[in-house]
Amino acid sequence: MPGVYARRIAVLAASAALTATGVLATAPAAQAAPPTPISASTARTYLGQLTVRAEGSSSGYSRDLFPHWSTQSGTCNTREIVLKRDGVNVVQDSSCAAVSGSWYSEYDGATWRAASDLDIDHVVALAEAWRSGASGWTTSQRQAFANDLSRPQLIAVTDDVNQAKSDLDPAEWLPPRTTYRCTYARMWVHVKHHWNLSVDSAEKSALQSVLNGC
């Protein structure tokens, strides 16, 4: 583990130096991305249509109830599809694993060149979905949600940042890169509206605040 932390510190120090010169100030022009979320105005409308209720219990929740990283095509699973989609010059081996490429993490502005440094974030976390209505879904519905490539629900980001987010909602966590928060709020509402998931009052207020500034 010390080696991992040392590597992280070195990379972050290098990123900070590059940012100071403007190299990493913005995402690469060729950067791919998740499906474009609804506009801020549509997100505000959709947010008003979501059911507001106290967040449900985590009782009974397990990630295994949301079968994820399903096979999408050939040997490619959902994770590898997202890594290919969200990266630049991504090379995959015969098993579809990403062996090289470059990834810009929208949440924190870091650039990575090893797929192992990235997590695929469920924008609306699986546990959050469970507490917002998915506890009543069938396993097939939860699998579709966990592997949803049609909505802006999956994104490749720095693993440490994703782990810090955990299953928190926007009242509790927003991307540290403030310029991405508007997009993140639009993504969140897009996903919750499509999947008919509820929001709690603090979550709704936080989303309204972000969207009103878009």
Protein backbone atom coordinates (compact mmCIF):
# COMPACT_ATOMS: atom_id res chain seq x y z
CA MET A 1 0.00 0.00 0.00
CA PRO A 2 2.82 2.58 0.71
CA GLY A 3 3.86 2.25 -2.92
CA VAL A 4 0.33 2.96 -4.09
CA TYR A 5 0.10 6.06 -1.92
CA ALA A 6 3.51 7.24 -3.07
CA ARG A 7 2.44 6.81 -6.69
CA ARG A 8 -0.77 8.73 -6.04
CA ILE A 9 1.07 11.58 -4.35
CA ALA A 10 3.55 11.78 -7.21
CA VAL A 11 0.81 11.79 -9.84
CA LEU A 12 -1.24 14.38 -7.97
CA ALA A 13 1.84 16.57 -7.57
CA ALA A 14 2.53 16.29 -11.29
CA SER A 15 -1.12 17.08 -12.06
CA ALA A 16 -0.96 20.15 -9.85
CA ALA A 17 2.15 21.34 -11.65
CA LEU A 18 0.56 20.81 -15.05
CA THR A 19 -2.63 22.51 -13.96
CA ALA A 20 -0.60 25.53 -12.95
CA THR A 21 0.64 25.79 -16.52
CA GLY A 22 -2.84 25.30 -17.94
CA VAL A 23 -2.19 21.87 -19.43
CA LEU A 24 -4.88 20.15 -17.35
CA ALA A 25 -7.13 23.14 -16.85
CA THR A 26 -9.73 21.67 -19.17
CA ALA A 27 -10.62 18.23 -20.43
CA PRO A 28 -8.90 17.03 -23.62
CA ALA A 29 -10.81 18.12 -26.69
CA ALA A 30 -11.13 14.54 -27.90
CA GLN A 31 -12.44 13.24 -24.60
CA ALA A 32 -15.42 10.93 -24.96
CA ALA A 33 -18.18 11.03 -22.38
CA PRO A 34 -21.38 9.42 -21.14
CA PRO A 35 -24.63 10.13 -23.01
CA THR A 36 -25.43 13.84 -22.86
CA PRO A 37 -27.80 14.50 -19.95
CA ILE A 38 -30.96 16.57 -20.15
CA SER A 39 -30.58 20.35 -20.12
CA ALA A 40 -30.63 22.30 -16.87
CA SER A 41 -34.10 23.66 -17.62
CA THR A 42 -35.44 20.17 -18.33
CA ALA A 43 -33.70 18.90 -15.20
CA ARG A 44 -35.45 21.56 -13.13
CA THR A 45 -38.77 20.46 -14.61
CA TYR A 46 -38.04 16.78 -14.06
CA LEU A 47 -36.88 17.44 -10.50
CA GLY A 48 -40.26 18.97 -9.76
CA GLN A 49 -41.92 15.78 -11.02
CA LEU A 50 -39.97 13.40 -8.78
CA THR A 51 -41.66 11.94 -5.72
CA VAL A 52 -40.27 13.49 -2.55
CA ARG A 53 -40.13 11.17 0.45
CA ALA A 54 -37.81 10.25 3.27
CA GLU A 55 -35.02 7.99 2.17
CA GLY A 56 -35.81 4.33 2.70
CA SER A 57 -33.87 1.77 4.67
CA SER A 58 -30.73 -0.03 3.52
CA SER A 59 -32.05 -3.19 5.14
CA GLY A 60 -31.68 -6.14 2.80
CA TYR A 61 -29.40 -4.28 0.40
CA SER A 62 -26.56 -6.08 -1.35
CA ARG A 63 -24.62 -5.18 -4.48
CA ASP A 64 -25.28 -8.75 -5.59
CA LEU A 65 -28.95 -7.79 -5.99
CA PHE A 66 -27.81 -5.46 -8.83
CA PRO A 67 -25.91 -7.80 -11.19
CA HIS A 68 -23.39 -5.47 -12.79
CA TRP A 69 -20.69 -5.48 -15.42
CA SER A 70 -22.81 -7.73 -17.58
CA THR A 71 -21.47 -8.99 -20.91
CA GLN A 72 -22.43 -6.49 -23.62
CA SER A 73 -20.80 -7.90 -26.74
CA GLY A 74 -18.38 -10.77 -27.26
CA THR A 75 -15.93 -10.68 -24.34
CA CYS A 76 -16.70 -7.06 -23.47
CA ASN A 77 -18.55 -6.31 -20.26
CA THR A 78 -20.09 -3.01 -19.19
CA ARG A 79 -16.97 -1.80 -17.38
CA GLU A 80 -14.78 -2.31 -20.43
CA ILE A 81 -17.34 -0.65 -22.70
CA VAL A 82 -17.31 2.45 -20.46
CA LEU A 83 -13.50 2.50 -20.25
CA LYS A 84 -13.32 2.41 -24.06
CA ARG A 85 -16.03 5.06 -24.40
CA ASP A 86 -14.66 7.49 -21.83
CA GLY A 87 -10.99 7.22 -22.77
CA VAL A 88 -8.75 8.44 -25.55
CA ASN A 89 -6.67 6.06 -27.70
CA VAL A 90 -7.80 3.08 -25.63
CA VAL A 91 -6.26 -0.23 -26.67
CA GLN A 92 -7.96 -3.44 -25.58
CA ASP A 93 -6.59 -6.98 -25.50
CA SER A 94 -8.34 -10.11 -26.78
CA SER A 95 -10.36 -10.28 -23.54
CA CYS A 96 -11.53 -6.67 -24.07
CA ALA A 97 -9.47 -5.42 -21.09
CA ALA A 98 -8.09 -1.91 -21.54
CA VAL A 99 -4.30 -2.22 -21.64
CA SER A 100 -3.45 1.37 -22.55
CA GLY A 101 -5.06 4.73 -23.11
CA SER A 102 -5.72 8.04 -21.39
CA TRP A 103 -8.65 8.93 -19.15
CA TYR A 104 -9.68 12.33 -17.86
CA SER A 105 -11.69 12.09 -14.65
CA GLU A 106 -14.44 14.70 -14.84
CA TYR A 107 -15.03 14.60 -11.08
CA ASP A 108 -11.58 15.85 -10.08
CA GLY A 109 -9.73 16.87 -13.24
CA ALA A 110 -7.04 14.18 -13.00
CA THR A 111 -5.70 12.34 -16.04
CA TRP A 112 -4.77 8.65 -15.77
CA ARG A 113 -3.00 6.25 -18.08
CA ALA A 114 -3.77 2.97 -16.33
CA ALA A 115 -7.28 1.53 -16.24
CA SER A 116 -6.56 0.24 -12.72
CA ASP A 117 -6.63 3.84 -11.48
CA LEU A 118 -10.26 4.19 -12.53
CA ASP A 119 -13.59 3.11 -11.14
CA ILE A 120 -16.80 3.09 -13.13
CA ASP A 121 -19.11 5.19 -11.01
CA HIS A 122 -22.83 4.59 -10.88
CA VAL A 123 -23.90 8.24 -10.79
CA VAL A 124 -26.95 7.24 -8.76
CA ALA A 125 -25.29 4.64 -6.54
CA LEU A 126 -26.82 1.19 -6.27
CA ALA A 127 -27.46 1.57 -2.54
CA GLU A 128 -28.99 5.01 -3.13
CA ALA A 129 -31.28 3.50 -5.75
CA TRP A 130 -32.25 0.74 -3.31
CA ARG A 131 -33.30 3.34 -0.72
CA SER A 132 -35.13 5.35 -3.39
CA GLY A 133 -37.39 2.63 -4.75
CA ALA A 134 -35.23 -0.09 -6.33
CA SER A 135 -35.78 -2.37 -3.33
CA GLY A 136 -39.13 -3.16 -4.92
CA TRP A 137 -37.75 -3.94 -8.36
CA THR A 138 -37.14 -7.33 -9.92
CA THR A 139 -33.56 -8.55 -10.28
CA SER A 140 -33.75 -7.98 -14.04
CA GLN A 141 -34.76 -4.35 -13.48
CA ARG A 142 -31.88 -3.84 -11.07
CA GLN A 143 -29.49 -5.45 -13.56
CA ALA A 144 -30.67 -3.10 -16.31
CA PHE A 145 -30.16 -0.13 -13.98
CA ALA A 146 -26.67 -1.24 -12.94
CA ASN A 147 -25.59 -1.62 -16.58
CA ASP A 148 -27.46 1.34 -18.09
CA LEU A 149 -25.42 2.66 -21.00
CA SER A 150 -28.29 4.63 -22.53
CA ARG A 151 -28.59 7.17 -19.73
CA PRO A 152 -25.72 9.21 -18.14
CA GLN A 153 -25.50 6.72 -15.26
CA LEU A 154 -21.99 5.31 -15.75
CA ILE A 155 -18.74 7.27 -15.93
CA ALA A 156 -15.04 6.43 -15.56
CA VAL A 157 -13.49 8.47 -12.75
CA THR A 158 -10.56 8.42 -10.33
CA ASP A 159 -11.01 5.42 -8.06
CA ASP A 160 -10.23 7.27 -4.81
CA VAL A 161 -12.79 9.96 -5.64
CA ASN A 162 -15.45 7.39 -6.41
CA GLN A 163 -14.73 5.62 -3.15
CA ALA A 164 -15.03 8.91 -1.26
CA LYS A 165 -18.42 9.47 -2.87
CA SER A 166 -19.57 5.98 -1.87
CA ASP A 167 -23.40 5.90 -1.93
CA LEU A 168 -23.93 9.57 -0.99
CA ASP A 169 -26.52 11.76 -2.67
CA PRO A 170 -25.95 15.39 -3.83
CA ALA A 171 -26.92 16.78 -0.41
CA GLU A 172 -23.93 14.90 0.97
CA TRP A 173 -21.43 14.85 -1.91
CA LEU A 174 -20.75 16.72 -5.13
CA PRO A 175 -17.77 16.41 -7.49
CA PRO A 176 -14.77 18.32 -6.14
CA ARG A 177 -14.33 19.84 -9.60
CA THR A 178 -16.95 22.55 -9.23
CA THR A 179 -17.31 23.23 -12.96
CA TYR A 180 -18.72 19.72 -13.39
CA ARG A 181 -21.41 20.02 -10.73
CA CYS A 182 -24.06 21.36 -13.09
CA THR A 183 -23.53 18.43 -15.46
CA TYR A 184 -23.54 16.03 -12.50
CA ALA A 185 -26.87 17.38 -11.22
CA ARG A 186 -28.37 17.07 -14.70
CA MET A 187 -27.11 13.47 -14.90
CA TRP A 188 -28.52 12.64 -11.47
CA VAL A 189 -32.00 13.99 -12.22
CA HIS A 190 -32.01 12.40 -15.68
CA VAL A 191 -31.33 8.98 -14.17
CA LYS A 192 -33.73 9.29 -11.24
CA HIS A 193 -36.53 10.55 -13.48
CA HIS A 194 -36.08 7.79 -16.07
CA TRP A 195 -36.03 5.08 -13.41
CA ASN A 196 -38.84 6.64 -11.37
CA LEU A 197 -36.76 6.89 -8.20
CA SER A 198 -37.67 9.22 -5.36
CA VAL A 199 -35.64 12.03 -3.80
CA ASP A 200 -35.53 13.13 -0.19
CA SER A 201 -36.06 16.79 0.71
CA ALA A 202 -32.37 17.61 1.37
CA GLU A 203 -31.36 15.92 -1.89
CA LYS A 204 -33.96 17.90 -3.82
CA SER A 205 -32.85 21.19 -2.25
CA ALA A 206 -29.22 20.51 -3.11
CA LEU A 207 -30.10 19.67 -6.71
CA GLN A 208 -32.27 22.78 -7.02
CA SER A 209 -29.41 24.91 -5.75
CA VAL A 210 -26.96 23.49 -8.28
CA LEU A 211 -29.40 23.60 -11.20
CA ASN A 212 -30.44 27.18 -10.45
CA GLY A 213 -26.82 28.17 -10.96
CA CYS A 214 -26.44 26.43 -14.30
